[in-house]
């Protein structure tokens, strides 16, 4: 019993186990984002002008956000009923199989309209997998954390996002540098999708070594299990679901404006070559990664809610500067813009998982945290790149900034009215 308890509280298993899974999941998720801008418009949506093809490609990108709540409900149910460990393994495999399959898909030129349909099906599977992955990884960390270090523990799975983005962007940059454009468009883009199978195998092995969290085991011993977690959430925690969702939308919006929209706009409308666009993105992600632990330290000192309110106000102000940075096409200004935006993303993303998890008790926490996070993904990110491109093309880039500022005001209101009750861990 003593050895088992030590294993449960091992920092190596808890923190590395939560980090490695989200890194793999976000790597898989982001290689699609890069391909949706750089590759898929030409290979899966030919015959349209470049803007329409990009919008069609980004429409398939949004499918994963629509399917993520389904993954949250499905995996969350079993995560709250039978445990975090099994559910994390199943979610990882769902994501991994969907991603590898994309690497083998034929293009529109080979099989016609069936190609984008299969692409959409695989993207749906990616969303289901990530919908179940994120909540379990966060709970693995914070349900093993001391009360005064929950944000610090909870930021480890959050670090999987910038690491996964660095790996995916770096992979695409390496491929575009090492082969001709024709070779890259022919088969090079497939390499990251297929190679992700190796990462999935590593993640699967590590996840099988994880033990259940003490909070879940205690909840089972005290017979706190509910029959249908989703129904219990709607019945008893609907305010947390609603306001938690609106609180998180700005986090999603700022991220996908700084990555997908900025990469697309810079390389298509500002005349920045794709390689430079990827380099700017990769450099800015370093700021994202740096400020995640910074925000976690601050959040453990002043409180998760207060830290997120400060970050949201800063993002609302940042929205007014879009036109200044993105109208001239100056590569230095675009780089500064991306770095500031990604630093703000780190500030809001670091404590978010801990904050959302603390809104719910153990017996519905997996479902509750996952659903709020992924419902926010629909509202804040599913159509954000398309809306932003339309706003910038039809009106001006300043309207994209206004879009972000309005979203930040909505999140700020949610943070101010949301319940301050903290549930037992």
Protein backbone atom coordinates (compact mmCIF):
# COMPACT_ATOMS: atom_id res chain seq x y z
CA UNK A 1 0.00 0.00 0.00
CA UNK A 2 2.83 2.39 0.90
CA UNK A 3 4.68 1.70 -2.37
CA UNK A 4 1.50 2.21 -4.35
CA UNK A 5 0.88 5.55 -2.64
CA UNK A 6 4.40 6.69 -3.42
CA UNK A 7 3.86 5.79 -7.04
CA UNK A 8 0.66 7.81 -7.14
CA UNK A 9 2.45 10.87 -5.80
CA UNK A 10 5.56 10.51 -7.98
CA UNK A 11 6.34 13.80 -9.71
CA UNK A 12 7.90 11.92 -12.61
CA UNK A 13 4.74 9.97 -13.39
CA UNK A 14 2.30 12.78 -12.70
CA UNK A 15 3.96 15.71 -14.47
CA UNK A 16 5.70 13.91 -17.33
CA UNK A 17 2.65 11.70 -17.87
CA UNK A 18 0.38 14.73 -18.21
CA UNK A 19 2.85 16.68 -20.37
CA UNK A 20 3.79 13.98 -22.87
CA UNK A 21 0.22 13.14 -23.77
CA UNK A 22 -0.88 16.71 -24.45
CA UNK A 23 2.33 17.36 -26.40
CA UNK A 24 1.52 14.49 -28.74
CA UNK A 25 -2.14 15.45 -28.99
CA UNK A 26 -1.38 19.08 -29.78
CA UNK A 27 1.37 18.13 -32.24
CA UNK A 28 -1.20 16.08 -34.13
CA UNK A 29 -3.75 18.88 -33.90
CA UNK A 30 -1.36 21.60 -35.10
CA UNK A 31 0.17 19.78 -38.04
CA UNK A 32 -3.35 19.84 -39.41
CA UNK A 33 -3.55 23.60 -38.77
CA UNK A 34 -0.32 24.19 -40.71
CA UNK A 35 -1.41 21.91 -43.54
CA UNK A 36 -4.84 23.58 -43.67
CA UNK A 37 -3.10 26.84 -44.58
CA UNK A 38 -0.10 25.63 -46.60
CA UNK A 39 -1.24 22.43 -48.36
CA UNK A 40 -4.89 21.43 -48.21
CA UNK A 41 -6.32 24.38 -50.23
CA UNK A 42 -4.38 23.20 -53.30
CA UNK A 43 -4.67 19.42 -52.84
CA UNK A 44 -8.19 18.96 -51.50
CA UNK A 45 -10.05 22.08 -52.70
CA UNK A 46 -8.79 22.92 -56.22
CA UNK A 47 -10.80 24.89 -58.75
CA UNK A 48 -11.54 27.82 -56.43
CA UNK A 49 -9.67 31.09 -56.14
CA UNK A 50 -7.04 31.12 -53.41
CA UNK A 51 -9.21 32.88 -50.80
CA UNK A 52 -12.20 30.55 -51.31
CA UNK A 53 -9.94 27.47 -51.24
CA UNK A 54 -8.37 28.64 -47.97
CA UNK A 55 -11.78 29.26 -46.44
CA UNK A 56 -12.95 25.79 -47.51
CA UNK A 57 -9.82 24.26 -46.01
CA UNK A 58 -10.31 26.17 -42.77
CA UNK A 59 -13.90 24.93 -42.67
CA UNK A 60 -12.55 21.38 -42.31
CA UNK A 61 -10.21 22.74 -39.62
CA UNK A 62 -13.24 23.90 -37.64
CA UNK A 63 -14.84 20.43 -37.66
CA UNK A 64 -12.55 19.27 -34.85
CA UNK A 65 -13.86 22.00 -32.58
CA UNK A 66 -17.42 20.90 -33.23
CA UNK A 67 -16.54 17.29 -32.39
CA UNK A 68 -14.45 18.08 -29.30
CA UNK A 69 -17.49 18.45 -26.99
CA UNK A 70 -18.66 15.02 -28.18
CA UNK A 71 -15.28 13.65 -27.11
CA UNK A 72 -15.61 15.51 -23.82
CA UNK A 73 -19.03 14.01 -23.14
CA UNK A 74 -18.03 10.48 -24.18
CA UNK A 75 -14.60 10.25 -22.58
CA UNK A 76 -15.65 12.46 -19.67
CA UNK A 77 -18.43 10.01 -18.83
CA UNK A 78 -16.01 7.11 -18.58
CA UNK A 79 -13.31 9.24 -16.97
CA UNK A 80 -15.71 10.08 -14.14
CA UNK A 81 -17.14 6.55 -13.96
CA UNK A 82 -14.23 4.12 -14.36
CA UNK A 83 -11.15 6.32 -14.01
CA UNK A 84 -8.73 8.77 -15.58
CA UNK A 85 -6.10 6.22 -16.69
CA UNK A 86 -8.11 4.07 -19.12
CA UNK A 87 -9.81 7.12 -20.60
CA UNK A 88 -6.52 8.92 -21.26
CA UNK A 89 -5.16 5.92 -23.16
CA UNK A 90 -8.32 5.58 -25.26
CA UNK A 91 -8.37 9.30 -26.12
CA UNK A 92 -4.72 9.21 -27.19
CA UNK A 93 -5.33 6.28 -29.53
CA UNK A 94 -8.39 7.95 -31.05
CA UNK A 95 -6.40 11.07 -31.85
CA UNK A 96 -3.37 9.13 -33.09
CA UNK A 97 -5.21 6.84 -35.49
CA UNK A 98 -7.12 9.78 -37.00
CA UNK A 99 -3.89 11.74 -37.55
CA UNK A 100 -1.91 8.91 -39.14
CA UNK A 101 -4.78 8.18 -41.51
CA UNK A 102 -4.63 11.73 -42.88
CA UNK A 103 -1.08 11.03 -44.01
CA UNK A 104 -2.34 8.28 -46.32
CA UNK A 105 -5.32 10.10 -47.84
CA UNK A 106 -5.40 10.48 -51.63
CA UNK A 107 -5.91 13.99 -53.00
CA UNK A 108 -8.86 15.45 -54.88
CA UNK A 109 -7.07 14.78 -58.17
CA UNK A 110 -7.08 11.03 -57.38
CA UNK A 111 -10.55 10.34 -56.00
CA UNK A 112 -12.49 13.58 -56.42
CA UNK A 113 -14.95 14.77 -53.80
CA UNK A 114 -14.33 11.69 -51.64
CA UNK A 115 -10.93 13.17 -50.70
CA UNK A 116 -12.20 16.21 -48.75
CA UNK A 117 -14.96 14.04 -47.24
CA UNK A 118 -12.39 11.59 -45.87
CA UNK A 119 -10.30 14.52 -44.66
CA UNK A 120 -13.31 15.84 -42.75
CA UNK A 121 -13.92 12.41 -41.19
CA UNK A 122 -10.34 12.21 -39.94
CA UNK A 123 -10.52 15.76 -38.61
CA UNK A 124 -13.70 14.79 -36.75
CA UNK A 125 -11.77 11.92 -35.13
CA UNK A 126 -8.97 14.29 -34.11
CA UNK A 127 -11.49 16.49 -32.35
CA UNK A 128 -13.11 13.60 -30.50
CA UNK A 129 -9.72 12.41 -29.27
CA UNK A 130 -8.51 15.82 -28.11
CA UNK A 131 -11.90 16.47 -26.50
CA UNK A 132 -11.22 13.56 -24.17
CA UNK A 133 -7.49 14.07 -23.77
CA UNK A 134 -7.17 17.56 -22.38
CA UNK A 135 -9.43 17.24 -19.34
CA UNK A 136 -7.91 13.96 -18.23
CA UNK A 137 -4.35 15.25 -18.55
CA UNK A 138 -5.14 18.35 -16.47
CA UNK A 139 -6.85 16.25 -13.79
CA UNK A 140 -3.93 13.85 -13.67
CA UNK A 141 -1.77 16.82 -12.68
CA UNK A 142 -3.96 18.86 -10.35
CA UNK A 143 -5.60 15.93 -8.53
CA UNK A 144 -2.11 14.96 -7.40
CA UNK A 145 -1.07 18.53 -6.50
CA UNK A 146 -0.70 20.17 -3.08
CA UNK A 147 -3.47 22.79 -2.58
CA UNK A 148 -1.01 25.70 -2.83
CA UNK A 149 0.54 24.44 -6.09
CA UNK A 150 -2.44 23.43 -8.20
CA UNK A 151 -1.81 26.04 -10.89
CA UNK A 152 1.86 25.02 -11.05
CA UNK A 153 1.01 21.33 -11.48
CA UNK A 154 -1.85 22.19 -13.82
CA UNK A 155 0.38 24.15 -16.17
CA UNK A 156 2.40 21.05 -17.18
CA UNK A 157 -0.27 19.65 -19.50
CA UNK A 158 -0.78 23.21 -20.77
CA UNK A 159 2.89 23.26 -21.83
CA UNK A 160 2.02 20.50 -24.29
CA UNK A 161 0.40 23.16 -26.50
CA UNK A 162 3.51 25.29 -27.23
CA UNK A 163 5.78 22.24 -27.35
CA UNK A 164 3.43 20.52 -29.81
CA UNK A 165 3.25 23.69 -31.89
CA UNK A 166 7.04 24.05 -31.92
CA UNK A 167 7.42 20.44 -33.04
CA UNK A 168 4.77 20.73 -35.76
CA UNK A 169 5.94 24.10 -37.06
CA UNK A 170 9.59 22.99 -36.90
CA UNK A 171 8.77 19.83 -38.82
CA UNK A 172 7.02 21.76 -41.60
CA UNK A 173 9.88 24.26 -41.73
CA UNK A 174 12.46 21.48 -41.99
CA UNK A 175 10.52 19.78 -44.76
CA UNK A 176 9.97 22.94 -46.80
CA UNK A 177 13.69 23.79 -46.48
CA UNK A 178 14.95 20.33 -47.41
CA UNK A 179 12.83 19.57 -50.48
CA UNK A 180 11.41 21.31 -53.51
CA UNK A 181 7.92 22.75 -53.38
CA UNK A 182 6.77 20.08 -55.83
CA UNK A 183 8.11 17.26 -53.67
CA UNK A 184 6.64 18.81 -50.53
CA UNK A 185 3.20 19.13 -52.12
CA UNK A 186 3.45 15.63 -53.58
CA UNK A 187 4.48 13.62 -50.50
CA UNK A 188 6.49 15.74 -48.03
CA UNK A 189 3.45 17.10 -46.19
CA UNK A 190 2.42 13.52 -45.37
CA UNK A 191 5.57 12.78 -43.34
CA UNK A 192 4.52 14.58 -40.10
CA UNK A 193 1.14 12.85 -40.07
CA UNK A 194 2.59 9.38 -40.57
CA UNK A 195 5.58 9.97 -38.26
CA UNK A 196 3.21 10.92 -35.44
CA UNK A 197 2.55 7.19 -35.04
CA UNK A 198 5.95 6.91 -33.32
CA UNK A 199 4.96 9.58 -30.81
CA UNK A 200 1.64 7.85 -30.17
CA UNK A 201 3.46 4.59 -29.33
CA UNK A 202 5.65 6.44 -26.81
CA UNK A 203 2.65 8.19 -25.30
CA UNK A 204 0.69 4.94 -25.11
CA UNK A 205 3.52 3.25 -23.21
CA UNK A 206 3.81 6.11 -20.71
CA UNK A 207 0.06 6.38 -20.20
CA UNK A 208 -0.20 2.67 -19.32
CA UNK A 209 2.23 3.32 -16.44
CA UNK A 210 -0.01 5.97 -14.87
CA UNK A 211 -2.00 5.14 -11.73
CA UNK A 212 -5.35 6.62 -10.75
CA UNK A 213 -5.38 9.98 -8.97
CA UNK A 214 -5.93 10.06 -5.19
CA UNK A 215 -8.98 12.32 -5.64
CA UNK A 216 -10.71 9.81 -7.90
CA UNK A 217 -9.87 6.88 -5.61
CA UNK A 218 -11.21 8.78 -2.57
CA UNK A 219 -14.38 9.67 -4.44
CA UNK A 220 -14.97 6.01 -5.25
CA UNK A 221 -14.35 4.95 -1.65
CA UNK A 222 -16.85 7.53 -0.41
CA UNK A 223 -19.35 6.30 -3.05
CA UNK A 224 -19.77 9.75 -4.61
CA UNK A 225 -20.19 8.34 -8.13
CA UNK A 226 -23.15 9.67 -10.13
CA UNK A 227 -25.00 7.58 -12.68
CA UNK A 228 -24.75 9.96 -15.64
CA UNK A 229 -22.17 12.75 -15.07
CA UNK A 230 -23.46 14.86 -17.97
CA UNK A 231 -27.01 14.96 -16.58
CA UNK A 232 -25.67 15.84 -13.14
CA UNK A 233 -23.71 18.71 -14.67
CA UNK A 234 -26.77 20.13 -16.43
CA UNK A 235 -28.88 19.70 -13.30
CA UNK A 236 -26.55 21.02 -10.60
CA UNK A 237 -23.69 22.91 -12.29
CA UNK A 238 -25.21 24.66 -15.30
CA UNK A 239 -23.96 28.09 -14.22
CA UNK A 240 -20.39 26.77 -14.00
CA UNK A 241 -20.80 25.21 -17.46
CA UNK A 242 -22.19 28.36 -19.04
CA UNK A 243 -19.92 30.97 -17.46
CA UNK A 244 -16.88 28.68 -17.54
CA UNK A 245 -17.39 28.31 -21.30
CA UNK A 246 -17.65 32.07 -21.90
CA UNK A 247 -14.68 32.69 -19.60
CA UNK A 248 -12.48 30.48 -21.80
CA UNK A 249 -13.47 31.72 -25.28
CA UNK A 250 -10.86 34.49 -25.40
CA UNK A 251 -8.07 32.00 -24.76
CA UNK A 252 -9.07 30.07 -27.89
CA UNK A 253 -9.67 33.14 -30.01
CA UNK A 254 -6.37 34.86 -29.27
CA UNK A 255 -4.45 31.66 -29.97
CA UNK A 256 -5.99 30.92 -33.37
CA UNK A 257 -5.79 34.56 -34.42
CA UNK A 258 -2.09 34.54 -33.57
CA UNK A 259 -1.39 31.25 -35.37
CA UNK A 260 -3.76 30.26 -38.18
CA UNK A 261 -5.05 33.73 -39.11
CA UNK A 262 -1.70 35.50 -38.77
CA UNK A 263 0.13 32.83 -40.79
CA UNK A 264 -2.53 32.91 -43.50
CA UNK A 265 -2.76 36.71 -43.66
CA UNK A 266 1.00 37.25 -43.55
CA UNK A 267 1.76 34.76 -46.32
CA UNK A 268 -1.15 35.63 -48.62
CA UNK A 269 -1.98 39.33 -48.16
CA UNK A 270 1.17 40.85 -46.66
CA UNK A 271 3.55 39.14 -49.11
CA UNK A 272 5.66 37.42 -46.46
CA UNK A 273 7.06 34.14 -47.80
CA UNK A 274 5.83 30.95 -46.14
CA UNK A 275 9.21 30.13 -44.63
CA UNK A 276 9.44 33.51 -42.90
CA UNK A 277 5.84 33.14 -41.73
CA UNK A 278 6.65 29.81 -40.10
CA UNK A 279 9.81 31.26 -38.51
CA UNK A 280 7.83 34.14 -37.02
CA UNK A 281 5.29 31.70 -35.65
CA UNK A 282 7.93 29.42 -34.14
CA UNK A 283 9.77 32.34 -32.53
CA UNK A 284 6.56 33.72 -31.01
CA UNK A 285 5.67 30.31 -29.57
CA UNK A 286 8.72 30.61 -27.31
CA UNK A 287 6.94 33.52 -25.57
CA UNK A 288 3.84 31.36 -25.25
CA UNK A 289 5.88 28.64 -23.55
CA UNK A 290 7.78 31.04 -21.24
CA UNK A 291 4.71 32.80 -19.89
CA UNK A 292 2.73 29.64 -19.08
CA UNK A 293 4.85 28.83 -15.98
CA UNK A 294 5.12 32.54 -15.13
CA UNK A 295 1.34 32.84 -15.03
CA UNK A 296 1.04 29.64 -12.98
CA UNK A 297 3.39 30.98 -10.30
CA UNK A 298 1.45 34.24 -10.12
CA UNK A 299 -1.89 32.38 -10.09
CA UNK A 300 -0.85 30.29 -7.09
CA UNK A 301 0.03 33.51 -5.24
CA UNK A 302 -2.92 35.77 -6.10
CA UNK A 303 -5.53 33.22 -7.22
CA UNK A 304 -6.41 31.65 -10.56
CA UNK A 305 -9.46 33.84 -11.16
CA UNK A 306 -7.64 37.11 -10.49
CA UNK A 307 -4.73 36.12 -12.76
CA UNK A 308 -7.13 35.30 -15.59
CA UNK A 309 -9.00 38.59 -15.16
CA UNK A 310 -5.74 40.54 -15.49
CA UNK A 311 -4.75 38.56 -18.61
CA UNK A 312 -8.17 39.08 -20.20
CA UNK A 313 -8.07 42.85 -19.69
CA UNK A 314 -4.62 42.92 -21.32
CA UNK A 315 -5.93 40.94 -24.31
CA UNK A 316 -8.88 43.34 -24.69
CA UNK A 317 -6.41 46.26 -24.91
CA UNK A 318 -4.16 44.34 -27.32
CA UNK A 319 -7.07 44.02 -29.76
CA UNK A 320 -6.91 47.76 -30.50
CA UNK A 321 -3.37 47.43 -31.92
CA UNK A 322 -4.06 44.88 -34.69
CA UNK A 323 -4.19 47.48 -37.45
CA UNK A 324 -0.90 49.10 -36.39
CA UNK A 325 1.02 45.82 -36.53
CA UNK A 326 -0.64 44.02 -39.45
CA UNK A 327 -1.42 46.72 -41.99
CA UNK A 328 2.07 47.66 -43.18
CA UNK A 329 3.48 44.22 -43.96
CA UNK A 330 6.65 45.14 -42.06
CA UNK A 331 8.15 41.83 -40.97
CA UNK A 332 9.58 43.32 -37.75
CA UNK A 333 6.19 44.69 -36.70
CA UNK A 334 4.51 41.39 -37.55
CA UNK A 335 7.07 39.55 -35.42
CA UNK A 336 6.58 41.90 -32.46
CA UNK A 337 2.82 41.52 -32.85
CA UNK A 338 3.05 37.72 -32.80
CA UNK A 339 5.35 37.70 -29.75
CA UNK A 340 3.11 40.01 -27.71
CA UNK A 341 0.02 38.04 -28.65
CA UNK A 342 1.58 34.70 -27.75
CA UNK A 343 2.90 36.04 -24.44
CA UNK A 344 -0.66 37.08 -23.58
CA UNK A 345 -1.79 33.63 -24.64
CA UNK A 346 0.64 32.11 -22.12
CA UNK A 347 -0.72 34.35 -19.37
CA UNK A 348 -4.30 33.24 -19.93
CA UNK A 349 -3.63 29.61 -20.84
CA UNK A 350 -1.36 28.66 -17.93
CA UNK A 351 -3.93 28.75 -15.08
CA UNK A 352 -7.02 28.02 -17.21
CA UNK A 353 -7.06 24.25 -16.77
CA UNK A 354 -6.77 24.53 -13.00
CA UNK A 355 -9.44 27.24 -12.85
CA UNK A 356 -11.98 25.23 -14.88
CA UNK A 357 -11.29 22.04 -12.93
CA UNK A 358 -11.85 23.80 -9.60
CA UNK A 359 -15.39 24.68 -10.66
CA UNK A 360 -16.54 21.05 -10.32
CA UNK A 361 -16.44 18.26 -7.70
CA UNK A 362 -14.45 15.08 -8.35
CA UNK A 363 -17.37 12.92 -9.47
CA UNK A 364 -18.18 15.18 -12.46
CA UNK A 365 -14.85 17.03 -12.83
CA UNK A 366 -13.59 15.22 -15.93
CA UNK A 367 -16.85 15.88 -17.79
CA UNK A 368 -17.26 19.42 -16.46
CA UNK A 369 -13.75 20.73 -17.13
CA UNK A 370 -13.61 19.06 -20.56
CA UNK A 371 -17.01 20.34 -21.69
CA UNK A 372 -16.42 23.94 -20.62
CA UNK A 373 -13.00 23.97 -22.30
CA UNK A 374 -14.20 22.41 -25.55
CA UNK A 375 -17.49 24.29 -25.79
CA UNK A 376 -15.35 27.42 -25.53
CA UNK A 377 -13.37 26.00 -28.45
CA UNK A 378 -16.49 26.05 -30.62
CA UNK A 379 -17.37 29.64 -29.70
CA UNK A 380 -13.83 30.98 -29.63
CA UNK A 381 -11.95 29.03 -32.29
CA UNK A 382 -14.03 26.82 -34.58
CA UNK A 383 -14.81 29.58 -37.05
CA UNK A 384 -12.35 32.21 -35.80
CA UNK A 385 -9.82 31.95 -38.68
CA UNK A 386 -12.60 32.14 -41.29
CA UNK A 387 -14.34 35.05 -39.55
CA UNK A 388 -11.03 36.88 -39.15
CA UNK A 389 -10.04 36.41 -42.81
CA UNK A 390 -13.49 37.60 -43.91
CA UNK A 391 -13.36 40.65 -41.64
CA UNK A 392 -9.84 41.58 -42.75
CA UNK A 393 -10.63 41.06 -46.46
CA UNK A 394 -14.02 42.77 -46.43
CA UNK A 395 -13.30 45.63 -44.04
CA UNK A 396 -9.81 45.87 -42.50
CA UNK A 397 -7.48 44.20 -40.00
CA UNK A 398 -8.68 46.61 -37.29
CA UNK A 399 -12.03 44.78 -37.31
CA UNK A 400 -10.21 41.55 -36.43
CA UNK A 401 -8.78 43.32 -33.39
CA UNK A 402 -12.24 44.59 -32.47
CA UNK A 403 -13.50 41.01 -32.75
CA UNK A 404 -10.88 39.96 -30.17
CA UNK A 405 -11.66 42.89 -27.85
CA UNK A 406 -15.39 42.12 -27.83
CA UNK A 407 -14.66 38.45 -27.03
CA UNK A 408 -12.36 39.52 -24.17
CA UNK A 409 -15.10 41.71 -22.70
CA UNK A 410 -17.49 38.74 -22.76
CA UNK A 411 -14.90 36.56 -20.97
CA UNK A 412 -14.21 39.30 -18.45
CA UNK A 413 -17.91 39.48 -17.57
CA UNK A 414 -17.98 35.69 -17.12
CA UNK A 415 -14.98 35.77 -14.78
CA UNK A 416 -16.61 38.48 -12.69
CA UNK A 417 -19.92 36.67 -12.19
CA UNK A 418 -18.79 33.04 -12.03
CA UNK A 419 -19.08 31.14 -8.75
CA UNK A 420 -16.05 31.45 -6.46
CA UNK A 421 -16.84 28.16 -4.73
CA UNK A 422 -13.92 25.71 -4.71
CA UNK A 423 -14.78 22.03 -4.56
CA UNK A 424 -13.03 19.34 -2.56
CA UNK A 425 -9.99 17.63 -4.08
